[in-house]
Amino acid sequence: MGLGSRMVCTKEGCEYFDPDRHTENVIYLSGKWKQEPEYLEFENQAGYISVKYFASEVNVVMEGHGTAKVLLNKKPIAKENAGQDVSFRGR
């Protein structure tokens, strides 16, 4: 998988912009991210990762503190479609 986002870099770091038109199996970023050979590191409070896919499941490994929204077809994922390690607040 490659990155499909536009990237603008300054002395302060790089910011990615989602083009809103997605190709299947390409990762799109929005916000400030640090790109390393093996991982992406989120660097600010507002941003997201988006992937258009056709598969029975998708796995994402995340580490750190915070909250992540998991959307499927632009709607919050239903509990019956979520893996065991996805927890729900207030639902």
PDB file of N, CA and C in Angstrom:
ATOM      1  N   MET A   1       0.838  -1.188   0.000  1.00  0.00           N
ATOM      2  CA  MET A   1       0.000   0.000   0.000  1.00  0.00           C
ATOM      3  C   MET A   1       0.871   1.235   0.000  1.00  0.00           C
ATOM      4  N   GLY A   2       0.470   2.226  -0.736  1.00  0.00           N
ATOM      5  CA  GLY A   2       1.182   3.487  -0.760  1.00  0.00           C
ATOM      6  C   GLY A   2       0.338   4.584  -0.146  1.00  0.00           C
ATOM      7  N   LEU A   3       0.898   5.789  -0.088  1.00  0.00           N
ATOM      8  CA  LEU A   3       0.166   6.953   0.410  1.00  0.00           C
ATOM      9  C   LEU A   3      -0.360   7.753  -0.773  1.00  0.00           C
ATOM     10  N   GLY A   4      -1.631   8.127  -0.705  1.00  0.00           N
ATOM     11  CA  GLY A   4      -2.241   8.876  -1.793  1.00  0.00           C
ATOM     12  C   GLY A   4      -2.462  10.341  -1.472  1.00  0.00           C
ATOM     13  N   SER A   5      -2.071  10.771  -0.292  1.00  0.00           N
ATOM     14  CA  SER A   5      -2.300  12.147   0.136  1.00  0.00           C
ATOM     15  C   SER A   5      -1.239  13.076  -0.418  1.00  0.00           C
ATOM     16  N   ARG A   6      -1.628  14.329  -0.611  1.00  0.00           N
ATOM     17  CA  ARG A   6      -0.643  15.355  -0.930  1.00  0.00           C
ATOM     18  C   ARG A   6       0.071  15.709   0.367  1.00  0.00           C
ATOM     19  N   MET A   7       1.329  16.097   0.268  1.00  0.00           N
ATOM     20  CA  MET A   7       2.109  16.421   1.446  1.00  0.00           C
ATOM     21  C   MET A   7       2.757  17.785   1.243  1.00  0.00           C
ATOM     22  N   VAL A   8       2.655  18.627   2.276  1.00  0.00           N
ATOM     23  CA  VAL A   8       3.309  19.928   2.273  1.00  0.00           C
ATOM     24  C   VAL A   8       4.231  19.968   3.483  1.00  0.00           C
ATOM     25  N   CYS A   9       5.508  20.232   3.255  1.00  0.00           N
ATOM     26  CA  CYS A   9       6.486  20.243   4.342  1.00  0.00           C
ATOM     27  C   CYS A   9       7.048  21.637   4.560  1.00  0.00           C
ATOM     28  N   THR A  10       7.229  21.983   5.844  1.00  0.00           N
ATOM     29  CA  THR A  10       7.877  23.227   6.257  1.00  0.00           C
ATOM     30  C   THR A  10       8.932  22.854   7.300  1.00  0.00           C
ATOM     31  N   LYS A  11       9.571  23.844   7.888  1.00  0.00           N
ATOM     32  CA  LYS A  11      10.554  23.584   8.943  1.00  0.00           C
ATOM     33  C   LYS A  11       9.926  22.876  10.140  1.00  0.00           C
ATOM     34  N   GLU A  12       8.634  23.109  10.366  1.00  0.00           N
ATOM     35  CA  GLU A  12       7.933  22.530  11.516  1.00  0.00           C
ATOM     36  C   GLU A  12       7.514  21.084  11.288  1.00  0.00           C
ATOM     37  N   GLY A  13       7.561  20.575  10.073  1.00  0.00           N
ATOM     38  CA  GLY A  13       7.154  19.206   9.787  1.00  0.00           C
ATOM     39  C   GLY A  13       6.287  19.128   8.549  1.00  0.00           C
ATOM     40  N   CYS A  14       5.679  17.957   8.342  1.00  0.00           N
ATOM     41  CA  CYS A  14       4.873  17.723   7.137  1.00  0.00           C
ATOM     42  C   CYS A  14       3.399  17.561   7.481  1.00  0.00           C
ATOM     43  N   GLU A  15       2.560  18.132   6.645  1.00  0.00           N
ATOM     44  CA  GLU A  15       1.115  17.987   6.798  1.00  0.00           C
ATOM     45  C   GLU A  15       0.566  17.334   5.533  1.00  0.00           C
ATOM     46  N   TYR A  16      -0.331  16.384   5.743  1.00  0.00           N
ATOM     47  CA  TYR A  16      -0.924  15.634   4.637  1.00  0.00           C
ATOM     48  C   TYR A  16      -2.351  16.114   4.400  1.00  0.00           C
ATOM     49  N   PHE A  17      -2.754  16.116   3.124  1.00  0.00           N
ATOM     50  CA  PHE A  17      -4.082  16.572   2.733  1.00  0.00           C
ATOM     51  C   PHE A  17      -4.769  15.488   1.909  1.00  0.00           C
ATOM     52  N   ASP A  18      -5.939  15.070   2.366  1.00  0.00           N
ATOM     53  CA  ASP A  18      -6.720  14.035   1.702  1.00  0.00           C
ATOM     54  C   ASP A  18      -7.385  14.631   0.459  1.00  0.00           C
ATOM     55  N   PRO A  19      -7.195  14.031  -0.721  1.00  0.00           N
ATOM     56  CA  PRO A  19      -7.779  14.579  -1.939  1.00  0.00           C
ATOM     57  C   PRO A  19      -9.282  14.299  -2.091  1.00  0.00           C
ATOM     58  N   ASP A  20      -9.871  13.521  -1.172  1.00  0.00           N
ATOM     59  CA  ASP A  20     -11.301  13.169  -1.169  1.00  0.00           C
ATOM     60  C   ASP A  20     -11.715  12.228  -2.293  1.00  0.00           C
ATOM     61  N   ARG A  21     -10.837  11.878  -3.189  1.00  0.00           N
ATOM     62  CA  ARG A  21     -11.084  10.846  -4.207  1.00  0.00           C
ATOM     63  C   ARG A  21     -10.113   9.719  -3.905  1.00  0.00           C
ATOM     64  N   HIS A  22     -10.655   8.555  -3.567  1.00  0.00           N
ATOM     65  CA  HIS A  22      -9.804   7.473  -3.089  1.00  0.00           C
ATOM     66  C   HIS A  22      -9.749   6.306  -4.063  1.00  0.00           C
ATOM     67  N   THR A  23      -8.549   5.782  -4.237  1.00  0.00           N
ATOM     68  CA  THR A  23      -8.298   4.578  -5.013  1.00  0.00           C
ATOM     69  C   THR A  23      -8.220   3.416  -4.027  1.00  0.00           C
ATOM     70  N   GLU A  24      -8.729   2.266  -4.418  1.00  0.00           N
ATOM     71  CA  GLU A  24      -8.716   1.097  -3.542  1.00  0.00           C
ATOM     72  C   GLU A  24      -7.292   0.713  -3.152  1.00  0.00           C
ATOM     73  N   ASN A  25      -7.134   0.318  -1.893  1.00  0.00           N
ATOM     74  CA  ASN A  25      -5.870  -0.176  -1.333  1.00  0.00           C
ATOM     75  C   ASN A  25      -4.759   0.867  -1.254  1.00  0.00           C
ATOM     76  N   VAL A  26      -5.124   2.130  -1.143  1.00  0.00           N
ATOM     77  CA  VAL A  26      -4.170   3.219  -0.956  1.00  0.00           C
ATOM     78  C   VAL A  26      -4.530   3.920   0.353  1.00  0.00           C
ATOM     79  N   ILE A  27      -3.522   4.231   1.161  1.00  0.00           N
ATOM     80  CA  ILE A  27      -3.737   4.917   2.432  1.00  0.00           C
ATOM     81  C   ILE A  27      -3.758   6.421   2.192  1.00  0.00           C
ATOM     82  N   TYR A  28      -4.746   7.089   2.775  1.00  0.00           N
ATOM     83  CA  TYR A  28      -4.852   8.544   2.689  1.00  0.00           C
ATOM     84  C   TYR A  28      -4.768   9.115   4.096  1.00  0.00           C
ATOM     85  N   LEU A  29      -3.928  10.107   4.282  1.00  0.00           N
ATOM     86  CA  LEU A  29      -3.742  10.753   5.571  1.00  0.00           C
ATOM     87  C   LEU A  29      -4.261  12.175   5.521  1.00  0.00           C
ATOM     88  N   SER A  30      -4.673  12.659   6.670  1.00  0.00           N
ATOM     89  CA  SER A  30      -5.011  14.062   6.846  1.00  0.00           C
ATOM     90  C   SER A  30      -4.397  14.499   8.168  1.00  0.00           C
ATOM     91  N   GLY A  31      -3.732  15.630   8.185  1.00  0.00           N
ATOM     92  CA  GLY A  31      -3.124  16.132   9.404  1.00  0.00           C
ATOM     93  C   GLY A  31      -1.611  16.012   9.369  1.00  0.00           C
ATOM     94  N   LYS A  32      -1.011  16.244  10.528  1.00  0.00           N
ATOM     95  CA  LYS A  32       0.450  16.189  10.642  1.00  0.00           C
ATOM     96  C   LYS A  32       0.870  14.791  11.079  1.00  0.00           C
ATOM     97  N   TRP A  33       1.686  14.175  10.239  1.00  0.00           N
ATOM     98  CA  TRP A  33       2.167  12.815  10.476  1.00  0.00           C
ATOM     99  C   TRP A  33       3.670  12.760  10.236  1.00  0.00           C
ATOM    100  N   LYS A  34       4.333  11.888  10.958  1.00  0.00           N
ATOM    101  CA  LYS A  34       5.745  11.591  10.720  1.00  0.00           C
ATOM    102  C   LYS A  34       5.779  10.230  10.030  1.00  0.00           C
ATOM    103  N   GLN A  35       6.406  10.160   8.873  1.00  0.00           N
ATOM    104  CA  GLN A  35       6.458   8.911   8.108  1.00  0.00           C
ATOM    105  C   GLN A  35       7.818   8.252   8.285  1.00  0.00           C
ATOM    106  N   GLU A  36       7.806   7.028   8.782  1.00  0.00           N
ATOM    107  CA  GLU A  36       9.003   6.214   8.938  1.00  0.00           C
ATOM    108  C   GLU A  36       8.868   4.996   8.021  1.00  0.00           C
ATOM    109  N   PRO A  37       9.941   4.258   7.765  1.00  0.00           N
ATOM    110  CA  PRO A  37       9.843   3.096   6.867  1.00  0.00           C
ATOM    111  C   PRO A  37       8.838   2.035   7.330  1.00  0.00           C
ATOM    112  N   GLU A  38       8.672   1.866   8.648  1.00  0.00           N
ATOM    113  CA  GLU A  38       7.816   0.802   9.169  1.00  0.00           C
ATOM    114  C   GLU A  38       6.497   1.286   9.765  1.00  0.00           C
ATOM    115  N   TYR A  39       6.330   2.593   9.928  1.00  0.00           N
ATOM    116  CA  TYR A  39       5.120   3.074  10.593  1.00  0.00           C
ATOM    117  C   TYR A  39       4.874   4.551  10.296  1.00  0.00           C
ATOM    118  N   LEU A  40       3.668   4.990  10.660  1.00  0.00           N
ATOM    119  CA  LEU A  40       3.287   6.403  10.621  1.00  0.00           C
ATOM    120  C   LEU A  40       3.027   6.838  12.052  1.00  0.00           C
ATOM    121  N   GLU A  41       3.461   8.042  12.388  1.00  0.00           N
ATOM    122  CA  GLU A  41       3.253   8.561  13.739  1.00  0.00           C
ATOM    123  C   GLU A  41       2.445   9.845  13.655  1.00  0.00           C
ATOM    124  N   PHE A  42       1.308   9.860  14.347  1.00  0.00           N
ATOM    125  CA  PHE A  42       0.416  11.010  14.357  1.00  0.00           C
ATOM    126  C   PHE A  42       1.010  12.085  15.244  1.00  0.00           C
ATOM    127  N   GLU A  43       1.017  13.348  14.776  1.00  0.00           N
ATOM    128  CA  GLU A  43       1.699  14.410  15.513  1.00  0.00           C
ATOM    129  C   GLU A  43       0.802  15.549  15.974  1.00  0.00           C
ATOM    130  N   ASN A  44      -0.512  15.480  15.742  1.00  0.00           N
ATOM    131  CA  ASN A  44      -1.346  16.584  16.220  1.00  0.00           C
ATOM    132  C   ASN A  44      -2.719  16.091  16.657  1.00  0.00           C
ATOM    133  N   GLN A  45      -3.587  16.994  17.005  1.00  0.00           N
ATOM    134  CA  GLN A  45      -4.897  16.652  17.564  1.00  0.00           C
ATOM    135  C   GLN A  45      -5.967  16.367  16.517  1.00  0.00           C
ATOM    136  N   ALA A  46      -5.838  16.870  15.319  1.00  0.00           N
ATOM    137  CA  ALA A  46      -6.888  16.705  14.311  1.00  0.00           C
ATOM    138  C   ALA A  46      -6.318  16.024  13.075  1.00  0.00           C
ATOM    139  N   GLY A  47      -6.904  14.919  12.699  1.00  0.00           N
ATOM    140  CA  GLY A  47      -6.444  14.209  11.516  1.00  0.00           C
ATOM    141  C   GLY A  47      -7.042  12.826  11.453  1.00  0.00           C
ATOM    142  N   TYR A  48      -6.745  12.119  10.366  1.00  0.00           N
ATOM    143  CA  TYR A  48      -7.294  10.779  10.213  1.00  0.00           C
ATOM    144  C   TYR A  48      -6.524   9.982   9.172  1.00  0.00           C
ATOM    145  N   ILE A  49      -6.811   8.678   9.173  1.00  0.00           N
ATOM    146  CA  ILE A  49      -6.341   7.737   8.159  1.00  0.00           C
ATOM    147  C   ILE A  49      -7.588   7.216   7.463  1.00  0.00           C
ATOM    148  N   SER A  50      -7.545   7.124   6.146  1.00  0.00           N
ATOM    149  CA  SER A  50      -8.677   6.597   5.387  1.00  0.00           C
ATOM    150  C   SER A  50      -8.168   5.585   4.364  1.00  0.00           C
ATOM    151  N   VAL A  51      -8.872   4.453   4.243  1.00  0.00           N
ATOM    152  CA  VAL A  51      -8.505   3.418   3.277  1.00  0.00           C
ATOM    153  C   VAL A  51      -9.775   2.895   2.620  1.00  0.00           C
ATOM    154  N   LYS A  52      -9.815   2.918   1.299  1.00  0.00           N
ATOM    155  CA  LYS A  52     -10.904   2.304   0.546  1.00  0.00           C
ATOM    156  C   LYS A  52     -10.473   0.869   0.258  1.00  0.00           C
ATOM    157  N   TYR A  53     -11.303  -0.098   0.646  1.00  0.00           N
ATOM    158  CA  TYR A  53     -10.895  -1.489   0.497  1.00  0.00           C
ATOM    159  C   TYR A  53     -12.085  -2.382   0.188  1.00  0.00           C
ATOM    160  N   PHE A  54     -11.796  -3.565  -0.286  1.00  0.00           N
ATOM    161  CA  PHE A  54     -12.779  -4.624  -0.475  1.00  0.00           C
ATOM    162  C   PHE A  54     -12.156  -5.865   0.143  1.00  0.00           C
ATOM    163  N   ALA A  55     -12.595  -6.209   1.365  1.00  0.00           N
ATOM    164  CA  ALA A  55     -12.013  -7.329   2.098  1.00  0.00           C
ATOM    165  C   ALA A  55     -12.975  -7.751   3.196  1.00  0.00           C
ATOM    166  N   SER A  56     -12.756  -8.921   3.729  1.00  0.00           N
ATOM    167  CA  SER A  56     -13.599  -9.377   4.833  1.00  0.00           C
ATOM    168  C   SER A  56     -13.169  -8.765   6.161  1.00  0.00           C
ATOM    169  N   GLU A  57     -11.917  -8.293   6.251  1.00  0.00           N
ATOM    170  CA  GLU A  57     -11.462  -7.625   7.465  1.00  0.00           C
ATOM    171  C   GLU A  57     -10.275  -6.716   7.169  1.00  0.00           C
ATOM    172  N   VAL A  58     -10.088  -5.749   8.058  1.00  0.00           N
ATOM    173  CA  VAL A  58      -8.945  -4.833   7.985  1.00  0.00           C
ATOM    174  C   VAL A  58      -8.344  -4.770   9.378  1.00  0.00           C
ATOM    175  N   ASN A  59      -7.023  -4.827   9.463  1.00  0.00           N
ATOM    176  CA  ASN A  59      -6.336  -4.771  10.750  1.00  0.00           C
ATOM    177  C   ASN A  59      -5.441  -3.542  10.807  1.00  0.00           C
ATOM    178  N   VAL A  60      -5.532  -2.826  11.914  1.00  0.00           N
ATOM    179  CA  VAL A  60      -4.705  -1.649  12.145  1.00  0.00           C
ATOM    180  C   VAL A  60      -4.062  -1.810  13.512  1.00  0.00           C
ATOM    181  N   VAL A  61      -2.766  -1.598  13.600  1.00  0.00           N
ATOM    182  CA  VAL A  61      -2.062  -1.660  14.875  1.00  0.00           C
ATOM    183  C   VAL A  61      -1.816  -0.226  15.320  1.00  0.00           C
ATOM    184  N   MET A  62      -2.324   0.115  16.519  1.00  0.00           N
ATOM    185  CA  MET A  62      -2.151   1.465  17.048  1.00  0.00           C
ATOM    186  C   MET A  62      -1.602   1.369  18.462  1.00  0.00           C
ATOM    187  N   GLU A  63      -0.850   2.401  18.827  1.00  0.00           N
ATOM    188  CA  GLU A  63      -0.256   2.445  20.157  1.00  0.00           C
ATOM    189  C   GLU A  63      -0.346   3.871  20.665  1.00  0.00           C
ATOM    190  N   GLY A  64      -0.480   4.032  21.962  1.00  0.00           N
ATOM    191  CA  GLY A  64      -0.475   5.360  22.547  1.00  0.00           C
ATOM    192  C   GLY A  64      -1.754   5.643  23.310  1.00  0.00           C
ATOM    193  N   HIS A  65      -1.977   6.916  23.576  1.00  0.00           N
ATOM    194  CA  HIS A  65      -3.141   7.349  24.338  1.00  0.00           C
ATOM    195  C   HIS A  65      -4.037   8.170  23.433  1.00  0.00           C
ATOM    196  N   GLY A  66      -5.332   8.071  23.649  1.00  0.00           N
ATOM    197  CA  GLY A  66      -6.267   8.861  22.861  1.00  0.00           C
ATOM    198  C   GLY A  66      -7.468   8.040  22.450  1.00  0.00           C
ATOM    199  N   THR A  67      -8.228   8.597  21.563  1.00  0.00           N
ATOM    200  CA  THR A  67      -9.447   7.964  21.086  1.00  0.00           C
ATOM    201  C   THR A  67      -9.403   7.898  19.575  1.00  0.00           C
ATOM    202  N   ALA A  68      -9.882   6.811  19.024  1.00  0.00           N
ATOM    203  CA  ALA A  68      -9.969   6.658  17.569  1.00  0.00           C
ATOM    204  C   ALA A  68     -11.418   6.357  17.207  1.00  0.00           C
ATOM    205  N   LYS A  69     -11.901   6.979  16.151  1.00  0.00           N
ATOM    206  CA  LYS A  69     -13.225   6.660  15.608  1.00  0.00           C
ATOM    207  C   LYS A  69     -13.030   5.664  14.478  1.00  0.00           C
ATOM    208  N   VAL A  70     -13.808   4.602  14.486  1.00  0.00           N
ATOM    209  CA  VAL A  70     -13.750   3.606  13.426  1.00  0.00           C
ATOM    210  C   VAL A  70     -15.023   3.723  12.616  1.00  0.00           C
ATOM    211  N   LEU A  71     -14.879   4.103  11.337  1.00  0.00           N
ATOM    212  CA  LEU A  71     -16.032   4.285  10.462  1.00  0.00           C
ATOM    213  C   LEU A  71     -16.003   3.252   9.348  1.00  0.00           C
ATOM    214  N   LEU A  72     -17.173   2.802   8.954  1.00  0.00           N
ATOM    215  CA  LEU A  72     -17.334   1.909   7.814  1.00  0.00           C
ATOM    216  C   LEU A  72     -18.382   2.544   6.923  1.00  0.00           C
ATOM    217  N   ASN A  73     -18.028   2.850   5.684  1.00  0.00           N
ATOM    218  CA  ASN A  73     -18.922   3.568   4.768  1.00  0.00           C
ATOM    219  C   ASN A  73     -19.400   4.886   5.368  1.00  0.00           C
ATOM    220  N   LYS A  74     -18.460   5.594   6.026  1.00  0.00           N
ATOM    221  CA  LYS A  74     -18.671   6.921   6.610  1.00  0.00           C
ATOM    222  C   LYS A  74     -19.626   6.927   7.796  1.00  0.00           C
ATOM    223  N   LYS A  75     -19.922   5.741   8.381  1.00  0.00           N
ATOM    224  CA  LYS A  75     -20.789   5.629   9.556  1.00  0.00           C
ATOM    225  C   LYS A  75     -20.026   4.876  10.639  1.00  0.00           C
ATOM    226  N   PRO A  76     -20.310   5.189  11.923  1.00  0.00           N
ATOM    227  CA  PRO A  76     -19.636   4.447  12.993  1.00  0.00           C
ATOM    228  C   PRO A  76     -19.856   2.941  12.819  1.00  0.00           C
ATOM    229  N   ILE A  77     -18.802   2.165  13.043  1.00  0.00           N
ATOM    230  CA  ILE A  77     -18.887   0.726  12.859  1.00  0.00           C
ATOM    231  C   ILE A  77     -19.832   0.123  13.902  1.00  0.00           C
ATOM    232  N   ALA A  78     -20.642  -0.824  13.480  1.00  0.00           N
ATOM    233  CA  ALA A  78     -21.571  -1.501  14.387  1.00  0.00           C
ATOM    234  C   ALA A  78     -20.803  -2.491  15.251  1.00  0.00           C
ATOM    235  N   LYS A  79     -21.276  -2.700  16.462  1.00  0.00           N
ATOM    236  CA  LYS A  79     -20.602  -3.618  17.382  1.00  0.00           C
ATOM    237  C   LYS A  79     -20.440  -5.001  16.775  1.00  0.00           C
ATOM    238  N   GLU A  80     -21.439  -5.462  16.043  1.00  0.00           N
ATOM    239  CA  GLU A  80     -21.359  -6.804  15.458  1.00  0.00           C
ATOM    240  C   GLU A  80     -20.320  -6.902  14.335  1.00  0.00           C
ATOM    241  N   ASN A  81     -19.857  -5.788  13.814  1.00  0.00           N
ATOM    242  CA  ASN A  81     -18.830  -5.783  12.765  1.00  0.00           C
ATOM    243  C   ASN A  81     -17.438  -5.468  13.303  1.00  0.00           C
ATOM    244  N   ALA A  82     -17.338  -5.188  14.602  1.00  0.00           N
ATOM    245  CA  ALA A  82     -16.064  -4.797  15.204  1.00  0.00           C
ATOM    246  C   ALA A  82     -15.357  -6.005  15.801  1.00  0.00           C
ATOM    247  N   GLY A  83     -14.048  -5.949  15.819  1.00  0.00           N
ATOM    248  CA  GLY A  83     -13.251  -6.997  16.454  1.00  0.00           C
ATOM    249  C   GLY A  83     -13.347  -6.916  17.962  1.00  0.00           C
ATOM    250  N   GLN A  84     -12.847  -7.942  18.637  1.00  0.00           N
ATOM    251  CA  GLN A  84     -12.911  -8.013  20.091  1.00  0.00           C
ATOM    252  C   GLN A  84     -12.125  -6.904  20.782  1.00  0.00           C
ATOM    253  N   ASP A  85     -11.111  -6.377  20.121  1.00  0.00           N
ATOM    254  CA  ASP A  85     -10.287  -5.353  20.756  1.00  0.00           C
ATOM    255  C   ASP A  85     -10.778  -3.935  20.509  1.00  0.00           C
ATOM    256  N   VAL A  86     -11.946  -3.778  19.900  1.00  0.00           N
ATOM    257  CA  VAL A  86     -12.559  -2.459  19.710  1.00  0.00           C
ATOM    258  C   VAL A  86     -13.547  -2.254  20.854  1.00  0.00           C
ATOM    259  N   SER A  87     -13.375  -1.162  21.612  1.00  0.00           N
ATOM    260  CA  SER A  87     -14.300  -0.873  22.699  1.00  0.00           C
ATOM    261  C   SER A  87     -15.164   0.321  22.304  1.00  0.00           C
ATOM    262  N   PHE A  88     -16.339   0.376  22.890  1.00  0.00           N
ATOM    263  CA  PHE A  88     -17.315   1.412  22.547  1.00  0.00           C
ATOM    264  C   PHE A  88     -17.600   2.248  23.780  1.00  0.00           C
ATOM    265  N   ARG A  89     -17.639   3.566  23.597  1.00  0.00           N
ATOM    266  CA  ARG A  89     -17.993   4.482  24.670  1.00  0.00           C
ATOM    267  C   ARG A  89     -19.452   4.844  24.543  1.00  0.00           C
ATOM    268  N   GLY A  90     -20.192   4.709  25.618  1.00  0.00           N
ATOM    269  CA  GLY A  90     -21.575   5.171  25.648  1.00  0.00           C
ATOM    270  C   GLY A  90     -22.527   4.425  24.729  1.00  0.00           C
ATOM    271  N   ARG A  91     -22.087   3.281  24.154  1.00  0.00           N
ATOM    272  CA  ARG A  91     -22.988   2.497  23.292  1.00  0.00           C
ATOM    273  C   ARG A  91     -22.898   1.039  23.669  1.00  0.00           C
TER     274      ARG A  91
END
